[in-house]
Amino acid sequence: MNRRELLLSGAAALGVVAGATALRMGGAQDARAAETFEVTKTEAEWRAILPDAAFNVLRKEGTEYPGTSPLLNEHRKGIFACAGCDLPVYSSETKFDSGTGWPSFWQEIPNSVGKTVDRSLGMTRTEVHCRRCGGHLGHVFDDGPPPTGLRHCINGVALTFKPATA
């Protein structure tokens, strides 16, 4: 494990163990509360349709443990969609191995995600959410590959994969 992986997995573990609410200081969820989304449901309705892990990430801004998502090793051509509302958000053409333990993409599908400032965990990051349902997907960092230089670090449980048809 290199230094970057160690730091990232430690930060993720801290967020999962300590809980986002215990360390939250003006998180992205606060900023999204003022937005309106095409797909809205009550908390009970979201709980009824989402597995627990997906609900925790999409609706409560949780983080899955690094290296646990089957989508991390998904290399077929296709589309990654929001697990909450099925909106296509990332193409397999932009997926790359960042070595972080989370599915990573250098660009989203146009008009698919919203971004907000996230000041949780005592740092400032750019949070990424589904523009249609507001579900938390992950964060964007500026250490990705060309052509954008961005790394969308996305929780696999927040996505579903749809293989391309021949």
C-alpha atoms as a PDB file:
ATOM      1  CA  MET A   1       0.000   0.000   0.000  1.00  0.00           C
ATOM      2  CA  ASN A   2       1.432   3.367  -0.986  1.00  0.00           C
ATOM      3  CA  ARG A   3       1.178   6.562   1.077  1.00  0.00           C
ATOM      4  CA  ARG A   4      -1.782   7.933  -0.908  1.00  0.00           C
ATOM      5  CA  GLU A   5      -3.776   4.710  -0.468  1.00  0.00           C
ATOM      6  CA  LEU A   6      -2.955   4.631   3.231  1.00  0.00           C
ATOM      7  CA  LEU A   7      -4.083   8.225   3.759  1.00  0.00           C
ATOM      8  CA  LEU A   8      -7.236   7.794   1.698  1.00  0.00           C
ATOM      9  CA  SER A   9      -8.258   4.549   3.374  1.00  0.00           C
ATOM     10  CA  GLY A  10      -7.544   6.064   6.790  1.00  0.00           C
ATOM     11  CA  ALA A  11      -9.682   9.099   6.004  1.00  0.00           C
ATOM     12  CA  ALA A  12     -12.497   6.895   4.723  1.00  0.00           C
ATOM     13  CA  ALA A  13     -12.337   4.668   7.777  1.00  0.00           C
ATOM     14  CA  LEU A  14     -12.416   7.717  10.034  1.00  0.00           C
ATOM     15  CA  GLY A  15     -15.487   9.026   8.231  1.00  0.00           C
ATOM     16  CA  VAL A  16     -17.251   5.681   8.428  1.00  0.00           C
ATOM     17  CA  VAL A  17     -16.346   4.894  12.033  1.00  0.00           C
ATOM     18  CA  ALA A  18     -16.809   8.358  13.488  1.00  0.00           C
ATOM     19  CA  GLY A  19     -19.902   9.035  11.408  1.00  0.00           C
ATOM     20  CA  ALA A  20     -20.395  11.975   9.132  1.00  0.00           C
ATOM     21  CA  THR A  21     -22.708  13.743  11.543  1.00  0.00           C
ATOM     22  CA  ALA A  22     -20.188  13.711  14.390  1.00  0.00           C
ATOM     23  CA  LEU A  23     -17.594  15.555  12.340  1.00  0.00           C
ATOM     24  CA  ARG A  24     -19.846  17.570  10.021  1.00  0.00           C
ATOM     25  CA  MET A  25     -19.124  21.268   9.790  1.00  0.00           C
ATOM     26  CA  GLY A  26     -21.300  22.681   7.014  1.00  0.00           C
ATOM     27  CA  GLY A  27     -21.423  19.636   4.733  1.00  0.00           C
ATOM     28  CA  ALA A  28     -22.716  19.404   1.203  1.00  0.00           C
ATOM     29  CA  GLN A  29     -26.045  18.032   2.417  1.00  0.00           C
ATOM     30  CA  ASP A  30     -26.762  21.445   3.962  1.00  0.00           C
ATOM     31  CA  ALA A  31     -26.128  23.156   0.602  1.00  0.00           C
ATOM     32  CA  ARG A  32     -28.255  20.618  -1.317  1.00  0.00           C
ATOM     33  CA  ALA A  33     -31.189  21.127   1.057  1.00  0.00           C
ATOM     34  CA  ALA A  34     -31.969  24.399  -0.737  1.00  0.00           C
ATOM     35  CA  GLU A  35     -31.958  22.734  -4.176  1.00  0.00           C
ATOM     36  CA  THR A  36     -35.003  21.145  -5.787  1.00  0.00           C
ATOM     37  CA  PHE A  37     -34.736  17.863  -7.653  1.00  0.00           C
ATOM     38  CA  GLU A  38     -36.898  16.143 -10.267  1.00  0.00           C
ATOM     39  CA  VAL A  39     -37.020  12.922  -8.234  1.00  0.00           C
ATOM     40  CA  THR A  40     -38.018  13.373  -4.612  1.00  0.00           C
ATOM     41  CA  LYS A  41     -39.031  10.786  -2.033  1.00  0.00           C
ATOM     42  CA  THR A  42     -39.506  10.667   1.692  1.00  0.00           C
ATOM     43  CA  GLU A  43     -36.812   9.036   3.794  1.00  0.00           C
ATOM     44  CA  ALA A  44     -39.110   6.020   4.238  1.00  0.00           C
ATOM     45  CA  GLU A  45     -39.595   5.725   0.463  1.00  0.00           C
ATOM     46  CA  TRP A  46     -35.814   5.875  -0.142  1.00  0.00           C
ATOM     47  CA  ARG A  47     -35.239   3.242   2.562  1.00  0.00           C
ATOM     48  CA  ALA A  48     -37.810   0.986   0.913  1.00  0.00           C
ATOM     49  CA  ILE A  49     -36.104   1.023  -2.502  1.00  0.00           C
ATOM     50  CA  LEU A  50     -32.392   1.240  -1.599  1.00  0.00           C
ATOM     51  CA  PRO A  51     -30.200  -1.365   0.090  1.00  0.00           C
ATOM     52  CA  ASP A  52     -28.831  -0.109   3.432  1.00  0.00           C
ATOM     53  CA  ALA A  53     -25.335   0.634   2.083  1.00  0.00           C
ATOM     54  CA  ALA A  54     -26.699   2.593  -0.885  1.00  0.00           C
ATOM     55  CA  PHE A  55     -29.110   4.510   1.360  1.00  0.00           C
ATOM     56  CA  ASN A  56     -26.241   5.440   3.698  1.00  0.00           C
ATOM     57  CA  VAL A  57     -24.157   6.814   0.823  1.00  0.00           C
ATOM     58  CA  LEU A  58     -26.831   8.363  -1.411  1.00  0.00           C
ATOM     59  CA  ARG A  59     -29.089   9.853   1.260  1.00  0.00           C
ATOM     60  CA  LYS A  60     -26.777  10.275   4.297  1.00  0.00           C
ATOM     61  CA  GLU A  61     -23.456  11.103   2.553  1.00  0.00           C
ATOM     62  CA  GLY A  62     -21.761   7.989   3.867  1.00  0.00           C
ATOM     63  CA  THR A  63     -18.654   6.413   2.350  1.00  0.00           C
ATOM     64  CA  GLU A  64     -18.134   2.776   1.485  1.00  0.00           C
ATOM     65  CA  TYR A  65     -14.900   1.125   2.558  1.00  0.00           C
ATOM     66  CA  PRO A  66     -12.198   1.353  -0.130  1.00  0.00           C
ATOM     67  CA  GLY A  67     -11.714  -1.719  -2.280  1.00  0.00           C
ATOM     68  CA  THR A  68     -15.149  -3.194  -1.513  1.00  0.00           C
ATOM     69  CA  SER A  69     -17.135  -2.216  -4.606  1.00  0.00           C
ATOM     70  CA  PRO A  70     -17.530  -4.783  -7.386  1.00  0.00           C
ATOM     71  CA  LEU A  71     -17.674  -1.812  -9.772  1.00  0.00           C
ATOM     72  CA  LEU A  72     -14.045  -1.053  -8.959  1.00  0.00           C
ATOM     73  CA  ASN A  73     -13.085  -3.917 -11.291  1.00  0.00           C
ATOM     74  CA  GLU A  74     -15.836  -3.362 -13.860  1.00  0.00           C
ATOM     75  CA  HIS A  75     -14.037  -2.932 -17.192  1.00  0.00           C
ATOM     76  CA  ARG A  76     -16.763  -3.575 -19.747  1.00  0.00           C
ATOM     77  CA  LYS A  77     -18.086  -0.831 -21.998  1.00  0.00           C
ATOM     78  CA  GLY A  78     -21.257   0.706 -20.694  1.00  0.00           C
ATOM     79  CA  ILE A  79     -22.849   3.335 -18.491  1.00  0.00           C
ATOM     80  CA  PHE A  80     -22.720   3.861 -14.741  1.00  0.00           C
ATOM     81  CA  ALA A  81     -26.059   5.228 -13.493  1.00  0.00           C
ATOM     82  CA  CYS A  82     -27.247   6.694 -10.204  1.00  0.00           C
ATOM     83  CA  ALA A  83     -28.512   3.845  -8.004  1.00  0.00           C
ATOM     84  CA  GLY A  84     -31.225   6.152  -6.662  1.00  0.00           C
ATOM     85  CA  CYS A  85     -32.944   7.270  -9.860  1.00  0.00           C
ATOM     86  CA  ASP A  86     -31.171   5.481 -12.731  1.00  0.00           C
ATOM     87  CA  LEU A  87     -29.824   8.685 -14.349  1.00  0.00           C
ATOM     88  CA  PRO A  88     -26.711   7.906 -16.445  1.00  0.00           C
ATOM     89  CA  VAL A  89     -23.849   9.758 -14.702  1.00  0.00           C
ATOM     90  CA  TYR A  90     -20.537   8.260 -15.947  1.00  0.00           C
ATOM     91  CA  SER A  91     -19.389   6.475 -19.090  1.00  0.00           C
ATOM     92  CA  SER A  92     -16.982   3.556 -18.963  1.00  0.00           C
ATOM     93  CA  GLU A  93     -14.920   5.526 -21.486  1.00  0.00           C
ATOM     94  CA  THR A  94     -13.892   7.927 -18.698  1.00  0.00           C
ATOM     95  CA  LYS A  95     -13.219   5.326 -15.983  1.00  0.00           C
ATOM     96  CA  PHE A  96      -9.636   4.769 -14.816  1.00  0.00           C
ATOM     97  CA  ASP A  97      -7.748   2.996 -12.046  1.00  0.00           C
ATOM     98  CA  SER A  98      -6.785   5.693  -9.545  1.00  0.00           C
ATOM     99  CA  GLY A  99      -5.329   3.273  -7.015  1.00  0.00           C
ATOM    100  CA  THR A 100      -7.609   4.740  -4.317  1.00  0.00           C
ATOM    101  CA  GLY A 101      -9.977   1.809  -3.877  1.00  0.00           C
ATOM    102  CA  TRP A 102     -13.029   3.584  -5.309  1.00  0.00           C
ATOM    103  CA  PRO A 103     -14.330   3.669  -8.895  1.00  0.00           C
ATOM    104  CA  SER A 104     -12.811   6.781 -10.498  1.00  0.00           C
ATOM    105  CA  PHE A 105     -13.707   8.778 -13.578  1.00  0.00           C
ATOM    106  CA  TRP A 106     -12.061  11.774 -15.223  1.00  0.00           C
ATOM    107  CA  GLN A 107     -15.361  13.275 -16.420  1.00  0.00           C
ATOM    108  CA  GLU A 108     -19.093  12.964 -15.820  1.00  0.00           C
ATOM    109  CA  ILE A 109     -21.742  12.659 -18.514  1.00  0.00           C
ATOM    110  CA  PRO A 110     -22.828  16.238 -19.386  1.00  0.00           C
ATOM    111  CA  ASN A 111     -25.728  17.574 -17.293  1.00  0.00           C
ATOM    112  CA  SER A 112     -25.718  14.557 -14.951  1.00  0.00           C
ATOM    113  CA  VAL A 113     -24.172  15.743 -11.693  1.00  0.00           C
ATOM    114  CA  GLY A 114     -24.292  18.735  -9.424  1.00  0.00           C
ATOM    115  CA  LYS A 115     -21.391  19.924  -7.311  1.00  0.00           C
ATOM    116  CA  THR A 116     -21.342  21.596  -3.911  1.00  0.00           C
ATOM    117  CA  VAL A 117     -18.703  22.662  -1.423  1.00  0.00           C
ATOM    118  CA  ASP A 118     -18.277  20.072   1.333  1.00  0.00           C
ATOM    119  CA  ARG A 119     -16.559  21.245   4.524  1.00  0.00           C
ATOM    120  CA  SER A 120     -17.048  18.038   6.496  1.00  0.00           C
ATOM    121  CA  LEU A 121     -14.167  16.251   8.221  1.00  0.00           C
ATOM    122  CA  GLY A 122     -12.405  19.571   8.767  1.00  0.00           C
ATOM    123  CA  MET A 123     -11.450  20.060   5.096  1.00  0.00           C
ATOM    124  CA  THR A 124     -12.883  21.652   1.977  1.00  0.00           C
ATOM    125  CA  ARG A 125     -13.749  19.340  -0.915  1.00  0.00           C
ATOM    126  CA  THR A 126     -16.036  19.335  -3.942  1.00  0.00           C
ATOM    127  CA  GLU A 127     -18.947  16.966  -3.406  1.00  0.00           C
ATOM    128  CA  VAL A 128     -20.682  15.379  -6.412  1.00  0.00           C
ATOM    129  CA  HIS A 129     -24.357  14.454  -6.404  1.00  0.00           C
ATOM    130  CA  CYS A 130     -26.921  13.253  -8.925  1.00  0.00           C
ATOM    131  CA  ARG A 131     -28.550  16.295 -10.472  1.00  0.00           C
ATOM    132  CA  ARG A 132     -31.913  14.498 -10.752  1.00  0.00           C
ATOM    133  CA  CYS A 133     -32.391  13.039  -7.235  1.00  0.00           C
ATOM    134  CA  GLY A 134     -29.657  14.781  -5.220  1.00  0.00           C
ATOM    135  CA  GLY A 135     -28.086  11.476  -4.167  1.00  0.00           C
ATOM    136  CA  HIS A 136     -24.503  11.797  -2.891  1.00  0.00           C
ATOM    137  CA  LEU A 137     -22.091  10.059  -5.260  1.00  0.00           C
ATOM    138  CA  GLY A 138     -18.631  11.038  -3.998  1.00  0.00           C
ATOM    139  CA  HIS A 139     -16.076  13.825  -4.418  1.00  0.00           C
ATOM    140  CA  VAL A 140     -13.977  15.415  -7.163  1.00  0.00           C
ATOM    141  CA  PHE A 141     -10.250  16.059  -6.788  1.00  0.00           C
ATOM    142  CA  ASP A 142      -7.760  17.785  -9.093  1.00  0.00           C
ATOM    143  CA  ASP A 143      -5.235  14.933  -9.246  1.00  0.00           C
ATOM    144  CA  GLY A 144      -6.712  12.969 -12.149  1.00  0.00           C
ATOM    145  CA  PRO A 145      -5.390  12.134 -15.595  1.00  0.00           C
ATOM    146  CA  PRO A 146      -5.630  14.163 -18.806  1.00  0.00           C
ATOM    147  CA  PRO A 147      -7.606  15.483 -20.493  1.00  0.00           C
ATOM    148  CA  THR A 148      -9.461  17.024 -17.494  1.00  0.00           C
ATOM    149  CA  GLY A 149      -6.960  16.496 -14.669  1.00  0.00           C
ATOM    150  CA  LEU A 150      -9.926  15.564 -12.464  1.00  0.00           C
ATOM    151  CA  ARG A 151     -10.604  12.453 -10.398  1.00  0.00           C
ATOM    152  CA  HIS A 152     -14.241  11.813  -9.607  1.00  0.00           C
ATOM    153  CA  CYS A 153     -13.862   9.447  -6.647  1.00  0.00           C
ATOM    154  CA  ILE A 154     -17.268   7.722  -6.559  1.00  0.00           C
ATOM    155  CA  ASN A 155     -18.852   5.258  -4.155  1.00  0.00           C
ATOM    156  CA  GLY A 156     -19.695   2.098  -6.071  1.00  0.00           C
ATOM    157  CA  VAL A 157     -22.878   1.490  -4.041  1.00  0.00           C
ATOM    158  CA  ALA A 158     -24.189   4.806  -5.366  1.00  0.00           C
ATOM    159  CA  LEU A 159     -24.025   3.432  -8.926  1.00  0.00           C
ATOM    160  CA  THR A 160     -25.435   0.668 -11.063  1.00  0.00           C
ATOM    161  CA  PHE A 161     -23.722  -0.576 -14.217  1.00  0.00           C
ATOM    162  CA  LYS A 162     -25.462  -1.052 -17.553  1.00  0.00           C
ATOM    163  CA  PRO A 163     -23.307  -2.912 -20.081  1.00  0.00           C
ATOM    164  CA  ALA A 164     -23.311  -1.605 -23.650  1.00  0.00           C
ATOM    165  CA  THR A 165     -25.363  -3.618 -26.061  1.00  0.00           C
ATOM    166  CA  ALA A 166     -23.634  -4.958 -29.154  1.00  0.00           C
END
